[in-house]
Protein backbone atom coordinates (compact mmCIF):
# COMPACT_ATOMS: atom_id res chain seq x y z
CA MET A 1 -13.69 -81.29 -15.55
CA PRO A 2 -14.13 -78.69 -12.45
CA MET A 3 -10.74 -79.62 -10.72
CA SER A 4 -9.33 -78.16 -14.22
CA SER A 5 -10.88 -75.93 -14.12
CA GLU A 6 -10.06 -74.62 -10.50
CA LEU A 7 -6.31 -75.37 -11.06
CA ASP A 8 -7.09 -72.47 -13.91
CA MET A 9 -8.03 -70.29 -11.28
CA ARG A 10 -5.10 -70.55 -9.55
CA PHE A 11 -2.23 -70.52 -12.09
CA ASP A 12 -4.16 -67.01 -13.73
CA LEU A 13 -4.37 -65.69 -10.20
CA PHE A 14 -0.30 -66.13 -9.72
CA SER A 15 0.46 -65.55 -13.14
CA TYR A 16 -0.89 -62.21 -12.90
CA GLY A 17 0.68 -61.81 -9.85
CA ARG A 18 4.48 -61.43 -11.00
CA ARG A 19 5.87 -59.41 -13.77
CA GLY A 20 7.56 -61.62 -16.83
CA PRO A 21 10.96 -60.76 -17.68
CA GLU A 22 9.60 -58.09 -19.83
CA HIS A 23 8.07 -56.13 -17.04
CA GLN A 24 11.11 -56.24 -14.76
CA ASP A 25 11.94 -53.27 -13.54
CA HIS A 26 16.05 -52.40 -14.20
CA LEU A 27 17.31 -49.30 -11.68
CA SER A 28 20.06 -47.12 -12.83
CA PRO A 29 23.96 -47.24 -11.94
CA ALA A 30 22.88 -43.32 -10.33
CA GLU A 31 19.86 -44.97 -9.14
CA VAL A 32 21.92 -47.28 -7.35
CA ALA A 33 24.53 -45.18 -6.65
CA GLN A 34 21.97 -42.38 -4.78
CA ILE A 35 20.11 -45.02 -2.63
CA ALA A 36 23.33 -46.14 -1.58
CA ARG A 37 24.48 -42.42 -0.57
CA THR A 38 21.31 -42.25 1.35
CA ALA A 39 21.20 -45.50 3.08
CA HIS A 40 24.64 -44.02 3.89
CA ARG A 41 23.46 -40.33 5.50
CA ALA A 42 25.83 -38.84 2.79
CA PRO A 43 25.10 -34.72 3.63
CA GLU A 44 22.54 -32.82 1.67
CA VAL A 45 23.07 -30.10 -0.48
CA MET A 46 20.79 -27.47 -0.20
CA VAL A 47 20.12 -24.34 -2.93
CA LYS A 48 17.96 -21.82 -1.55
CA VAL A 49 16.26 -18.66 -3.57
CA LEU A 50 15.74 -15.54 -1.16
CA ASN A 51 12.91 -13.44 -2.48
CA ARG A 52 12.46 -10.20 -1.28
CA GLY A 53 14.48 -7.45 -2.83
CA ALA A 54 15.02 -8.72 -6.57
CA THR A 55 12.63 -6.42 -8.43
CA ASP A 56 14.85 -3.06 -6.82
CA LEU A 57 17.47 -2.18 -8.07
CA GLY A 58 18.16 -0.68 -4.58
CA ALA A 59 17.74 -3.52 -2.80
CA VAL A 60 20.17 -5.72 -5.60
CA ARG A 61 23.05 -3.00 -5.00
CA ARG A 62 22.32 -3.10 -1.47
CA HIS A 63 22.35 -7.44 -1.12
CA ARG A 64 25.34 -7.23 -3.35
CA ASN A 65 27.25 -5.29 -0.34
CA TYR A 66 26.11 -7.25 1.83
CA ILE A 67 27.25 -10.75 0.43
CA GLY A 68 31.13 -9.11 -0.15
CA ARG A 69 30.70 -7.36 3.54
CA LYS A 70 31.16 -3.74 2.66
CA GLY A 71 34.30 -5.45 0.88
CA GLU A 72 35.98 -7.64 3.00
CA VAL A 73 35.07 -10.92 1.68
CA GLU A 74 36.26 -11.30 -2.01
CA LEU A 75 33.54 -11.52 -5.00
CA GLU A 76 33.42 -13.52 -8.30
CA THR A 77 32.26 -12.87 -11.24
CA ASP A 78 31.59 -15.21 -14.69
CA ASP A 79 33.72 -13.56 -16.38
CA GLY A 80 36.71 -14.04 -14.07
CA ARG A 81 36.97 -11.17 -12.51
CA SER A 82 38.03 -11.00 -8.47
CA LEU A 83 36.76 -7.88 -6.67
CA VAL A 84 37.96 -7.01 -3.31
CA GLY A 85 38.13 -3.96 -1.52
CA PRO A 86 35.33 -0.96 -0.14
CA ASP A 87 34.30 -0.44 -4.68
CA ALA A 88 34.55 -4.28 -5.15
CA GLY A 89 31.24 -4.87 -7.32
CA GLY A 90 30.62 -1.30 -7.15
CA ASP A 91 30.33 -1.99 -11.42
CA LEU A 92 27.65 -4.47 -11.07
CA PRO A 93 24.57 -3.49 -11.74
CA GLU A 94 25.31 -0.90 -14.43
CA ASP A 95 27.31 -3.33 -16.18
CA TRP A 96 24.41 -5.39 -16.43
CA ASN A 97 21.92 -2.93 -17.16
CA LEU A 98 19.70 -3.50 -14.63
CA GLU A 99 18.62 0.20 -14.90
CA LEU A 100 17.22 -0.44 -18.72
CA GLU A 101 15.44 -3.72 -17.52
CA GLN A 102 14.61 -1.76 -14.19
CA GLY A 103 12.76 1.15 -16.23
CA GLY A 104 11.35 -1.23 -18.91
CA SER A 105 9.38 -3.13 -17.05
CA ARG A 106 8.41 -0.74 -15.86
CA THR A 107 5.05 1.02 -17.61
CA ASP A 108 2.22 3.64 -17.38
CA ILE A 109 0.43 0.51 -17.96
CA PRO A 110 -1.26 -0.83 -14.57
CA ALA A 111 0.16 -4.35 -13.40
CA GLU A 112 -2.26 -6.59 -13.61
CA ALA A 113 -3.98 -7.34 -10.36
CA GLY A 114 -1.66 -9.94 -7.81
CA LYS A 115 0.95 -9.56 -10.45
CA PRO A 116 4.55 -8.90 -8.62
CA GLU A 117 7.20 -7.38 -10.85
CA PRO A 118 9.52 -8.85 -12.45
CA ARG A 119 12.96 -9.84 -11.01
CA LEU A 120 16.23 -8.06 -12.30
CA VAL A 121 18.54 -10.71 -10.19
CA HIS A 122 17.87 -14.77 -8.45
CA LYS A 123 19.44 -14.32 -5.29
CA LEU A 124 20.64 -17.97 -4.87
CA VAL A 125 22.77 -18.99 -1.64
CA PHE A 126 24.12 -22.92 -1.93
CA SER A 127 24.53 -24.75 1.52
CA MET A 128 27.02 -27.65 3.40
CA PRO A 129 26.53 -28.85 6.96
CA ALA A 130 29.10 -28.22 9.31
CA GLY A 131 32.71 -29.61 8.57
CA THR A 132 32.23 -29.24 4.85
CA PRO A 133 35.89 -27.35 3.56
CA PRO A 134 34.74 -24.03 3.15
CA ASP A 135 37.20 -24.16 -0.27
CA ARG A 136 35.56 -27.10 -2.35
CA VAL A 137 31.52 -26.23 -1.70
CA LEU A 138 33.00 -22.47 -3.49
CA ALA A 139 34.75 -24.58 -5.92
CA ALA A 140 32.03 -26.76 -6.09
CA THR A 141 29.41 -24.16 -6.12
CA ARG A 142 31.66 -22.33 -8.91
CA ASN A 143 32.09 -25.12 -11.01
CA PHE A 144 28.39 -25.09 -11.20
CA MET A 145 27.54 -21.90 -12.16
CA ARG A 146 30.19 -22.00 -14.90
CA GLU A 147 28.33 -25.20 -16.61
CA GLU A 148 24.50 -24.20 -16.33
CA PHE A 149 25.00 -20.48 -17.28
CA ALA A 150 28.51 -19.77 -18.96
CA LEU A 151 27.98 -17.50 -21.51
CA GLN A 152 24.06 -16.66 -20.62
CA HIS A 153 23.08 -15.42 -17.48
CA ARG A 154 25.80 -12.84 -15.67
CA TYR A 155 26.65 -13.44 -11.79
CA VAL A 156 28.42 -13.08 -8.97
CA LEU A 157 29.32 -15.41 -6.23
CA ALA A 158 31.08 -15.49 -2.29
CA LEU A 159 31.44 -17.66 -0.22
CA HIS A 160 30.98 -17.10 3.54
CA THR A 161 32.20 -18.73 6.60
CA ASP A 162 30.86 -16.85 8.82
CA GLU A 163 28.64 -19.56 10.30
CA LEU A 164 28.97 -23.08 10.88
CA HIS A 165 27.79 -24.07 8.16
CA PRO A 166 30.15 -22.65 4.86
CA HIS A 167 27.63 -21.18 2.02
CA VAL A 168 27.78 -19.34 -1.39
CA HIS A 169 25.88 -16.53 -2.02
CA VAL A 170 25.38 -16.00 -5.88
CA VAL A 171 23.83 -12.91 -7.69
CA LEU A 172 22.31 -14.26 -10.40
CA LYS A 173 20.98 -11.94 -13.80
CA ALA A 174 17.74 -13.19 -14.03
CA VAL A 175 17.43 -11.42 -18.26
CA SER A 176 20.07 -14.27 -20.25
CA GLU A 177 22.80 -12.29 -22.69
CA GLN A 178 20.34 -13.87 -25.41
CA GLY A 179 17.13 -11.74 -24.55
CA ARG A 180 15.26 -15.06 -22.59
CA ARG A 181 14.23 -15.03 -18.61
CA LEU A 182 14.78 -17.43 -16.15
CA HIS A 183 11.84 -19.23 -14.55
CA ILE A 184 12.48 -20.62 -11.50
CA ARG A 185 11.17 -23.62 -11.02
CA LYS A 186 10.46 -26.93 -8.28
CA ALA A 187 11.68 -29.07 -11.06
CA THR A 188 14.87 -26.92 -11.66
CA LEU A 189 15.53 -26.33 -7.74
CA ARG A 190 15.64 -30.68 -8.34
CA GLU A 191 18.30 -30.30 -10.76
CA TRP A 192 20.86 -27.45 -9.74
CA ARG A 193 21.01 -29.39 -6.06
CA GLU A 194 22.12 -32.67 -7.92
CA GLY A 195 24.06 -30.83 -10.15
CA PHE A 196 25.61 -29.56 -6.94
CA ALA A 197 25.97 -32.46 -5.60
CA ARG A 198 27.48 -33.86 -8.71
CA HIS A 199 30.00 -30.64 -8.21
CA LEU A 200 30.72 -31.40 -4.51
CA ARG A 201 31.51 -34.99 -5.32
CA ALA A 202 34.01 -34.51 -7.77
CA VAL A 203 35.96 -32.24 -5.56
CA GLY A 204 35.75 -35.30 -3.32
CA VAL A 205 32.88 -34.04 -1.15
CA GLU A 206 30.21 -36.40 0.17
CA ALA A 207 27.02 -34.99 -1.39
CA ASN A 208 23.57 -35.78 -1.69
CA ALA A 209 20.51 -34.55 -3.32
CA THR A 210 17.94 -37.18 -1.94
CA PRO A 211 14.50 -36.31 -3.73
CA PRO A 212 11.50 -34.77 -2.20
CA PRO A 213 8.69 -37.27 -1.54
CA GLY A 214 5.46 -37.03 -3.50
CA PRO A 215 5.16 -35.52 -7.02
CA GLY A 216 6.30 -32.55 -8.32
């Protein structure tokens, strides 16, 4: 009898050490593809939020002029307009009613201590490593923005090729046409990176968006 008890204990140890068929983990096709891209070191996408100068109308105008290189770089708008020249994009702040939003956010009531003023816009950068065709980076960014924000948030974008890594600047209105304010969190950026990479692959560019390590 003691021998039987000993065998039972050993059997239990082995059974607890492995999962039954109903507990097996299965990777989705998307997860398998993600692992394959990571293993083959596919180029990583970058989506960045620029924090400074997003709560002041004058700073928004200056940033718009910067991404348009004072008329030398074409600006594309969410409604399909192409703006080029010294006055390109000059009507955007008025068109987006940012003056009203800035005035509405500033009242005689003092702001809470440590609470920042609400953003008028989000200033984004979509970038890929050197050697990526710039026109495809632009196409992927354009397609991503249309999918994510069409008929909701106003935006303007511009492709820059003055550095080795092609990148697209985007000025995105923080409040939608429906009056909802966009808040960008870590999870939001993760989803945007995945979406940007997906649109790059759709135009023939190998691209990956490796999840960050750890929680969040």
